[in-house]
PDB file of N, CA and C in Angstrom:
ATOM      1  N   MET A   1    -157.389  74.571 105.604  1.00  0.00           N
ATOM      2  CA  MET A   1    -157.787  72.767 105.773  1.00  0.00           C
ATOM      3  C   MET A   1    -159.289  73.160 106.496  1.00  0.00           C
ATOM      4  N   LYS A   2    -159.091  74.271 107.442  1.00  0.00           N
ATOM      5  CA  LYS A   2    -160.545  74.199 108.093  1.00  0.00           C
ATOM      6  C   LYS A   2    -161.369  74.583 107.235  1.00  0.00           C
ATOM      7  N   GLU A   3    -161.576  75.096 106.302  1.00  0.00           N
ATOM      8  CA  GLU A   3    -162.544  75.194 105.625  1.00  0.00           C
ATOM      9  C   GLU A   3    -163.180  73.817 104.758  1.00  0.00           C
ATOM     10  N   LEU A   4    -162.211  73.284 104.273  1.00  0.00           N
ATOM     11  CA  LEU A   4    -162.493  71.991 103.758  1.00  0.00           C
ATOM     12  C   LEU A   4    -163.053  70.936 104.553  1.00  0.00           C
ATOM     13  N   VAL A   5    -162.674  70.991 106.053  1.00  0.00           N
ATOM     14  CA  VAL A   5    -163.240  69.671 106.764  1.00  0.00           C
ATOM     15  C   VAL A   5    -164.634  70.349 107.101  1.00  0.00           C
ATOM     16  N   GLU A   6    -164.788  71.624 107.040  1.00  0.00           N
ATOM     17  CA  GLU A   6    -166.257  72.323 107.180  1.00  0.00           C
ATOM     18  C   GLU A   6    -167.111  72.346 106.568  1.00  0.00           C
ATOM     19  N   ILE A   7    -166.654  72.185 104.886  1.00  0.00           N
ATOM     20  CA  ILE A   7    -167.483  71.886 103.999  1.00  0.00           C
ATOM     21  C   ILE A   7    -168.182  70.270 103.992  1.00  0.00           C
ATOM     22  N   ILE A   8    -166.638  69.579 104.128  1.00  0.00           N
ATOM     23  CA  ILE A   8    -167.216  68.062 103.968  1.00  0.00           C
ATOM     24  C   ILE A   8    -168.290  67.925 105.132  1.00  0.00           C
ATOM     25  N   ALA A   9    -167.985  68.165 106.254  1.00  0.00           N
ATOM     26  CA  ALA A   9    -168.863  68.009 107.451  1.00  0.00           C
ATOM     27  C   ALA A   9    -170.241  68.199 107.086  1.00  0.00           C
ATOM     28  N   LYS A  10    -170.280  69.622 106.965  1.00  0.00           N
ATOM     29  CA  LYS A  10    -171.685  70.374 106.486  1.00  0.00           C
ATOM     30  C   LYS A  10    -172.658  69.403 105.544  1.00  0.00           C
ATOM     31  N   SER A  11    -171.978  68.872 104.560  1.00  0.00           N
ATOM     32  CA  SER A  11    -172.808  68.209 103.399  1.00  0.00           C
ATOM     33  C   SER A  11    -172.927  66.535 104.247  1.00  0.00           C
ATOM     34  N   LEU A  12    -172.757  66.028 105.354  1.00  0.00           N
ATOM     35  CA  LEU A  12    -172.773  64.725 105.935  1.00  0.00           C
ATOM     36  C   LEU A  12    -173.864  65.018 106.754  1.00  0.00           C
ATOM     37  N   VAL A  13    -174.177  66.245 107.441  1.00  0.00           N
ATOM     38  CA  VAL A  13    -175.017  66.014 108.980  1.00  0.00           C
ATOM     39  C   VAL A  13    -176.398  66.533 108.159  1.00  0.00           C
ATOM     40  N   ASP A  14    -176.963  66.463 109.591  1.00  0.00           N
ATOM     41  CA  ASP A  14    -178.413  66.730 109.381  1.00  0.00           C
ATOM     42  C   ASP A  14    -178.741  68.277 110.195  1.00  0.00           C
ATOM     43  N   HIS A  15    -177.548  68.607 110.900  1.00  0.00           N
ATOM     44  CA  HIS A  15    -177.845  70.032 111.466  1.00  0.00           C
ATOM     45  C   HIS A  15    -176.530  70.601 111.120  1.00  0.00           C
ATOM     46  N   PRO A  16    -176.218  71.221 110.112  1.00  0.00           N
ATOM     47  CA  PRO A  16    -175.051  71.859 109.333  1.00  0.00           C
ATOM     48  C   PRO A  16    -174.875  72.981 110.395  1.00  0.00           C
ATOM     49  N   ASP A  17    -175.585  73.800 111.140  1.00  0.00           N
ATOM     50  CA  ASP A  17    -175.401  75.063 111.806  1.00  0.00           C
ATOM     51  C   ASP A  17    -174.808  74.755 112.989  1.00  0.00           C
ATOM     52  N   GLU A  18    -174.905  73.272 113.478  1.00  0.00           N
ATOM     53  CA  GLU A  18    -174.289  73.000 114.583  1.00  0.00           C
ATOM     54  C   GLU A  18    -172.867  72.409 114.144  1.00  0.00           C
ATOM     55  N   VAL A  19    -172.241  72.235 113.105  1.00  0.00           N
ATOM     56  CA  VAL A  19    -170.468  72.089 112.831  1.00  0.00           C
ATOM     57  C   VAL A  19    -170.042  72.954 113.514  1.00  0.00           C
ATOM     58  N   VAL A  20    -168.896  72.901 113.906  1.00  0.00           N
ATOM     59  CA  VAL A  20    -167.602  73.835 114.509  1.00  0.00           C
ATOM     60  C   VAL A  20    -166.310  73.049 114.362  1.00  0.00           C
ATOM     61  N   VAL A  21    -165.774  73.894 113.575  1.00  0.00           N
ATOM     62  CA  VAL A  21    -164.100  73.383 113.300  1.00  0.00           C
ATOM     63  C   VAL A  21    -163.378  74.618 113.546  1.00  0.00           C
ATOM     64  N   THR A  22    -162.184  73.843 114.509  1.00  0.00           N
ATOM     65  CA  THR A  22    -161.179  74.838 115.089  1.00  0.00           C
ATOM     66  C   THR A  22    -159.778  74.196 114.493  1.00  0.00           C
ATOM     67  N   GLU A  23    -158.810  75.148 114.099  1.00  0.00           N
ATOM     68  CA  GLU A  23    -157.692  74.878 113.652  1.00  0.00           C
ATOM     69  C   GLU A  23    -156.464  75.142 114.568  1.00  0.00           C
ATOM     70  N   LYS A  24    -155.812  74.196 115.217  1.00  0.00           N
ATOM     71  CA  LYS A  24    -154.586  74.729 116.009  1.00  0.00           C
ATOM     72  C   LYS A  24    -153.378  74.342 115.315  1.00  0.00           C
ATOM     73  N   GLU A  25    -152.380  75.270 115.106  1.00  0.00           N
ATOM     74  CA  GLU A  25    -151.160  75.194 114.318  1.00  0.00           C
ATOM     75  C   GLU A  25    -150.329  74.937 115.327  1.00  0.00           C
ATOM     76  N   THR A  26    -149.202  73.650 115.531  1.00  0.00           N
ATOM     77  CA  THR A  26    -148.356  73.713 115.985  1.00  0.00           C
ATOM     78  C   THR A  26    -146.705  73.639 115.188  1.00  0.00           C
ATOM     79  N   GLU A  27    -145.550  73.344 115.481  1.00  0.00           N
ATOM     80  CA  GLU A  27    -144.465  73.319 114.780  1.00  0.00           C
ATOM     81  C   GLU A  27    -144.309  72.469 113.854  1.00  0.00           C
ATOM     82  N   LYS A  28    -144.893  70.944 114.120  1.00  0.00           N
ATOM     83  CA  LYS A  28    -144.908  70.071 113.381  1.00  0.00           C
ATOM     84  C   LYS A  28    -146.182  69.779 112.570  1.00  0.00           C
ATOM     85  N   ALA A  29    -147.030  70.291 113.312  1.00  0.00           N
ATOM     86  CA  ALA A  29    -148.480  69.854 112.437  1.00  0.00           C
ATOM     87  C   ALA A  29    -149.659  70.862 112.681  1.00  0.00           C
ATOM     88  N   ILE A  30    -150.984  70.649 111.911  1.00  0.00           N
ATOM     89  CA  ILE A  30    -152.011  71.264 112.097  1.00  0.00           C
ATOM     90  C   ILE A  30    -153.045  70.457 112.553  1.00  0.00           C
ATOM     91  N   ILE A  31    -153.571  70.875 113.826  1.00  0.00           N
ATOM     92  CA  ILE A  31    -154.666  69.776 114.172  1.00  0.00           C
ATOM     93  C   ILE A  31    -155.726  70.789 114.331  1.00  0.00           C
ATOM     94  N   VAL A  32    -156.734  69.916 113.240  1.00  0.00           N
ATOM     95  CA  VAL A  32    -158.223  70.349 112.974  1.00  0.00           C
ATOM     96  C   VAL A  32    -159.312  69.492 113.945  1.00  0.00           C
ATOM     97  N   GLU A  33    -160.000  70.425 114.609  1.00  0.00           N
ATOM     98  CA  GLU A  33    -160.864  69.395 115.287  1.00  0.00           C
ATOM     99  C   GLU A  33    -162.282  69.908 115.075  1.00  0.00           C
ATOM    100  N   LEU A  34    -163.010  68.737 114.903  1.00  0.00           N
ATOM    101  CA  LEU A  34    -164.313  69.101 114.605  1.00  0.00           C
ATOM    102  C   LEU A  34    -165.301  68.495 115.196  1.00  0.00           C
ATOM    103  N   LYS A  35    -166.407  69.317 115.742  1.00  0.00           N
ATOM    104  CA  LYS A  35    -167.379  68.949 116.467  1.00  0.00           C
ATOM    105  C   LYS A  35    -168.844  69.052 115.837  1.00  0.00           C
ATOM    106  N   VAL A  36    -169.561  68.093 116.115  1.00  0.00           N
ATOM    107  CA  VAL A  36    -170.915  68.087 115.297  1.00  0.00           C
ATOM    108  C   VAL A  36    -171.965  68.046 116.372  1.00  0.00           C
ATOM    109  N   ALA A  37    -173.268  67.926 116.085  1.00  0.00           N
ATOM    110  CA  ALA A  37    -174.442  67.535 117.148  1.00  0.00           C
ATOM    111  C   ALA A  37    -174.111  66.007 117.463  1.00  0.00           C
ATOM    112  N   SER A  38    -174.700  65.694 118.631  1.00  0.00           N
ATOM    113  CA  SER A  38    -174.469  64.293 119.099  1.00  0.00           C
ATOM    114  C   SER A  38    -175.146  63.208 118.049  1.00  0.00           C
ATOM    115  N   GLU A  39    -176.362  63.644 117.570  1.00  0.00           N
ATOM    116  CA  GLU A  39    -176.987  62.902 116.772  1.00  0.00           C
ATOM    117  C   GLU A  39    -176.389  62.458 115.313  1.00  0.00           C
ATOM    118  N   ASP A  40    -175.428  63.389 115.122  1.00  0.00           N
ATOM    119  CA  ASP A  40    -174.739  63.524 113.647  1.00  0.00           C
ATOM    120  C   ASP A  40    -173.528  62.896 113.903  1.00  0.00           C
ATOM    121  N   MET A  41    -172.947  62.324 114.997  1.00  0.00           N
ATOM    122  CA  MET A  41    -171.739  61.973 115.108  1.00  0.00           C
ATOM    123  C   MET A  41    -171.619  60.730 114.407  1.00  0.00           C
ATOM    124  N   GLY A  42    -172.702  59.677 114.023  1.00  0.00           N
ATOM    125  CA  GLY A  42    -172.308  58.519 113.484  1.00  0.00           C
ATOM    126  C   GLY A  42    -172.503  58.734 111.748  1.00  0.00           C
ATOM    127  N   LYS A  43    -172.831  59.748 111.366  1.00  0.00           N
ATOM    128  CA  LYS A  43    -172.796  59.869 110.181  1.00  0.00           C
ATOM    129  C   LYS A  43    -171.354  60.401 109.798  1.00  0.00           C
ATOM    130  N   VAL A  44    -170.858  61.273 110.782  1.00  0.00           N
ATOM    131  CA  VAL A  44    -169.255  62.009 110.403  1.00  0.00           C
ATOM    132  C   VAL A  44    -168.390  60.558 110.831  1.00  0.00           C
ATOM    133  N   ILE A  45    -168.739  59.689 111.479  1.00  0.00           N
ATOM    134  CA  ILE A  45    -167.863  58.749 111.919  1.00  0.00           C
ATOM    135  C   ILE A  45    -167.874  57.602 110.795  1.00  0.00           C
ATOM    136  N   GLY A  46    -169.136  57.141 110.461  1.00  0.00           N
ATOM    137  CA  GLY A  46    -169.650  56.097 109.315  1.00  0.00           C
ATOM    138  C   GLY A  46    -169.146  54.796 110.029  1.00  0.00           C
ATOM    139  N   LYS A  47    -169.528  53.603 109.580  1.00  0.00           N
ATOM    140  CA  LYS A  47    -169.453  52.548 109.807  1.00  0.00           C
ATOM    141  C   LYS A  47    -168.058  52.054 109.701  1.00  0.00           C
ATOM    142  N   GLN A  48    -167.464  51.543 110.904  1.00  0.00           N
ATOM    143  CA  GLN A  48    -166.185  51.117 111.312  1.00  0.00           C
ATOM    144  C   GLN A  48    -165.129  52.125 111.156  1.00  0.00           C
ATOM    145  N   GLY A  49    -165.570  53.442 111.270  1.00  0.00           N
ATOM    146  CA  GLY A  49    -164.686  54.707 110.922  1.00  0.00           C
ATOM    147  C   GLY A  49    -164.650  55.040 109.530  1.00  0.00           C
ATOM    148  N   ARG A  50    -165.196  54.435 108.557  1.00  0.00           N
ATOM    149  CA  ARG A  50    -164.820  54.697 107.292  1.00  0.00           C
ATOM    150  C   ARG A  50    -165.007  56.098 106.622  1.00  0.00           C
ATOM    151  N   ILE A  51    -165.929  56.640 107.224  1.00  0.00           N
ATOM    152  CA  ILE A  51    -165.937  58.288 106.840  1.00  0.00           C
ATOM    153  C   ILE A  51    -165.111  59.198 107.277  1.00  0.00           C
ATOM    154  N   ALA A  52    -164.787  58.875 108.730  1.00  0.00           N
ATOM    155  CA  ALA A  52    -163.773  59.632 109.393  1.00  0.00           C
ATOM    156  C   ALA A  52    -162.753  59.285 108.559  1.00  0.00           C
ATOM    157  N   LYS A  53    -161.939  58.335 108.374  1.00  0.00           N
ATOM    158  CA  LYS A  53    -161.198  57.603 107.616  1.00  0.00           C
ATOM    159  C   LYS A  53    -160.718  58.439 106.262  1.00  0.00           C
ATOM    160  N   SER A  54    -161.755  58.645 105.555  1.00  0.00           N
ATOM    161  CA  SER A  54    -162.021  59.225 104.319  1.00  0.00           C
ATOM    162  C   SER A  54    -161.765  60.828 104.499  1.00  0.00           C
ATOM    163  N   ILE A  55    -162.150  61.132 105.443  1.00  0.00           N
ATOM    164  CA  ILE A  55    -162.144  62.761 105.346  1.00  0.00           C
ATOM    165  C   ILE A  55    -160.500  63.039 105.961  1.00  0.00           C
ATOM    166  N   ARG A  56    -160.001  62.128 106.782  1.00  0.00           N
ATOM    167  CA  ARG A  56    -158.877  62.333 106.950  1.00  0.00           C
ATOM    168  C   ARG A  56    -157.737  62.174 106.278  1.00  0.00           C
ATOM    169  N   THR A  57    -158.195  61.185 104.990  1.00  0.00           N
ATOM    170  CA  THR A  57    -157.341  61.101 103.753  1.00  0.00           C
ATOM    171  C   THR A  57    -157.248  62.267 102.829  1.00  0.00           C
ATOM    172  N   VAL A  58    -158.651  62.733 102.600  1.00  0.00           N
ATOM    173  CA  VAL A  58    -158.645  63.811 101.782  1.00  0.00           C
ATOM    174  C   VAL A  58    -158.041  65.127 102.332  1.00  0.00           C
ATOM    175  N   VAL A  59    -158.058  65.477 103.606  1.00  0.00           N
ATOM    176  CA  VAL A  59    -157.427  66.259 104.254  1.00  0.00           C
ATOM    177  C   VAL A  59    -155.625  66.137 103.952  1.00  0.00           C
ATOM    178  N   LYS A  60    -155.319  65.010 104.366  1.00  0.00           N
ATOM    179  CA  LYS A  60    -153.969  65.134 104.251  1.00  0.00           C
ATOM    180  C   LYS A  60    -153.636  65.072 102.424  1.00  0.00           C
ATOM    181  N   ALA A  61    -154.336  64.763 101.913  1.00  0.00           N
ATOM    182  CA  ALA A  61    -153.723  65.187 100.104  1.00  0.00           C
ATOM    183  C   ALA A  61    -153.738  66.276 100.219  1.00  0.00           C
ATOM    184  N   ALA A  62    -154.618  67.099 100.386  1.00  0.00           N
ATOM    185  CA  ALA A  62    -154.952  68.631 100.293  1.00  0.00           C
ATOM    186  C   ALA A  62    -153.199  68.803 101.177  1.00  0.00           C
ATOM    187  N   ALA A  63    -153.069  68.321 101.995  1.00  0.00           N
ATOM    188  CA  ALA A  63    -151.895  69.300 102.937  1.00  0.00           C
ATOM    189  C   ALA A  63    -150.565  68.940 102.346  1.00  0.00           C
ATOM    190  N   THR A  64    -150.608  68.302 101.392  1.00  0.00           N
ATOM    191  CA  THR A  64    -149.314  67.586 100.979  1.00  0.00           C
ATOM    192  C   THR A  64    -148.456  68.864 100.112  1.00  0.00           C
ATOM    193  N   LYS A  65    -149.444  69.707  99.544  1.00  0.00           N
ATOM    194  CA  LYS A  65    -149.038  70.712  98.982  1.00  0.00           C
ATOM    195  C   LYS A  65    -148.089  72.181  99.910  1.00  0.00           C
ATOM    196  N   ASP A  66    -148.619  72.051 101.264  1.00  0.00           N
ATOM    197  CA  ASP A  66    -148.233  72.802 102.090  1.00  0.00           C
ATOM    198  C   ASP A  66    -146.882  72.177 102.749  1.00  0.00           C
ATOM    199  N   ASP A  67    -146.583  70.988 102.859  1.00  0.00           N
ATOM    200  CA  ASP A  67    -145.570  70.251 103.483  1.00  0.00           C
ATOM    201  C   ASP A  67    -145.836  70.087 104.889  1.00  0.00           C
ATOM    202  N   LYS A  68    -146.911  70.062 105.270  1.00  0.00           N
ATOM    203  CA  LYS A  68    -147.706  70.213 106.537  1.00  0.00           C
ATOM    204  C   LYS A  68    -148.114  68.686 106.953  1.00  0.00           C
ATOM    205  N   LYS A  69    -148.085  68.292 108.313  1.00  0.00           N
ATOM    206  CA  LYS A  69    -148.685  67.211 108.865  1.00  0.00           C
ATOM    207  C   LYS A  69    -150.372  67.586 109.154  1.00  0.00           C
ATOM    208  N   VAL A  70    -151.121  66.990 108.885  1.00  0.00           N
ATOM    209  CA  VAL A  70    -152.301  67.131 108.999  1.00  0.00           C
ATOM    210  C   VAL A  70    -153.170  66.093 110.160  1.00  0.00           C
ATOM    211  N   MET A  71    -153.412  66.463 111.319  1.00  0.00           N
ATOM    212  CA  MET A  71    -154.556  65.575 112.174  1.00  0.00           C
ATOM    213  C   MET A  71    -155.817  66.041 112.328  1.00  0.00           C
ATOM    214  N   VAL A  72    -156.724  65.338 111.901  1.00  0.00           N
ATOM    215  CA  VAL A  72    -158.046  65.799 112.081  1.00  0.00           C
ATOM    216  C   VAL A  72    -158.897  64.977 113.338  1.00  0.00           C
ATOM    217  N   GLU A  73    -159.267  65.615 114.226  1.00  0.00           N
ATOM    218  CA  GLU A  73    -159.860  64.994 115.466  1.00  0.00           C
ATOM    219  C   GLU A  73    -161.200  65.493 115.671  1.00  0.00           C
ATOM    220  N   ILE A  74    -162.162  64.110 115.759  1.00  0.00           N
ATOM    221  CA  ILE A  74    -163.492  64.272 115.955  1.00  0.00           C
ATOM    222  C   ILE A  74    -163.633  64.524 117.341  1.00  0.00           C
ATOM    223  N   LEU A  75    -164.261  65.603 117.675  1.00  0.00           N
ATOM    224  CA  LEU A  75    -164.618  65.459 119.197  1.00  0.00           C
ATOM    225  C   LEU A  75    -166.094  65.569 119.547  1.00  0.00           C
ATOM    226  N   GLN A  76    -166.232  65.047 120.701  1.00  0.00           N
ATOM    227  CA  GLN A  76    -168.071  65.017 121.187  1.00  0.00           C
ATOM    228  C   GLN A  76    -168.245  66.095 121.874  1.00  0.00           C
TER     229      GLN A  76
END
C-alpha cells in the first residue's frame, strides 16, 4: 500500500522529492501516512477533499485482496 500511495502522490505534486510515505501496521488495520510539501497540500487534498477521497478509495480497493482495513492519513 505504501508504494501505491507514493506513486499517486508523486504524480500529483510539484515537489515529488518531498513526498514521504510511512506505513504502520496494527492488529486491525494498516495506517498509511502521507506527508507532502506545504505548497502541495492543496493538490493532494483537492477541492472539498475530492482527491484525498479518491486516493483513499483506490487504496481501499487494492487492500480488499489482503482482507485488511487501510487508512490513509494526510499529515502536514
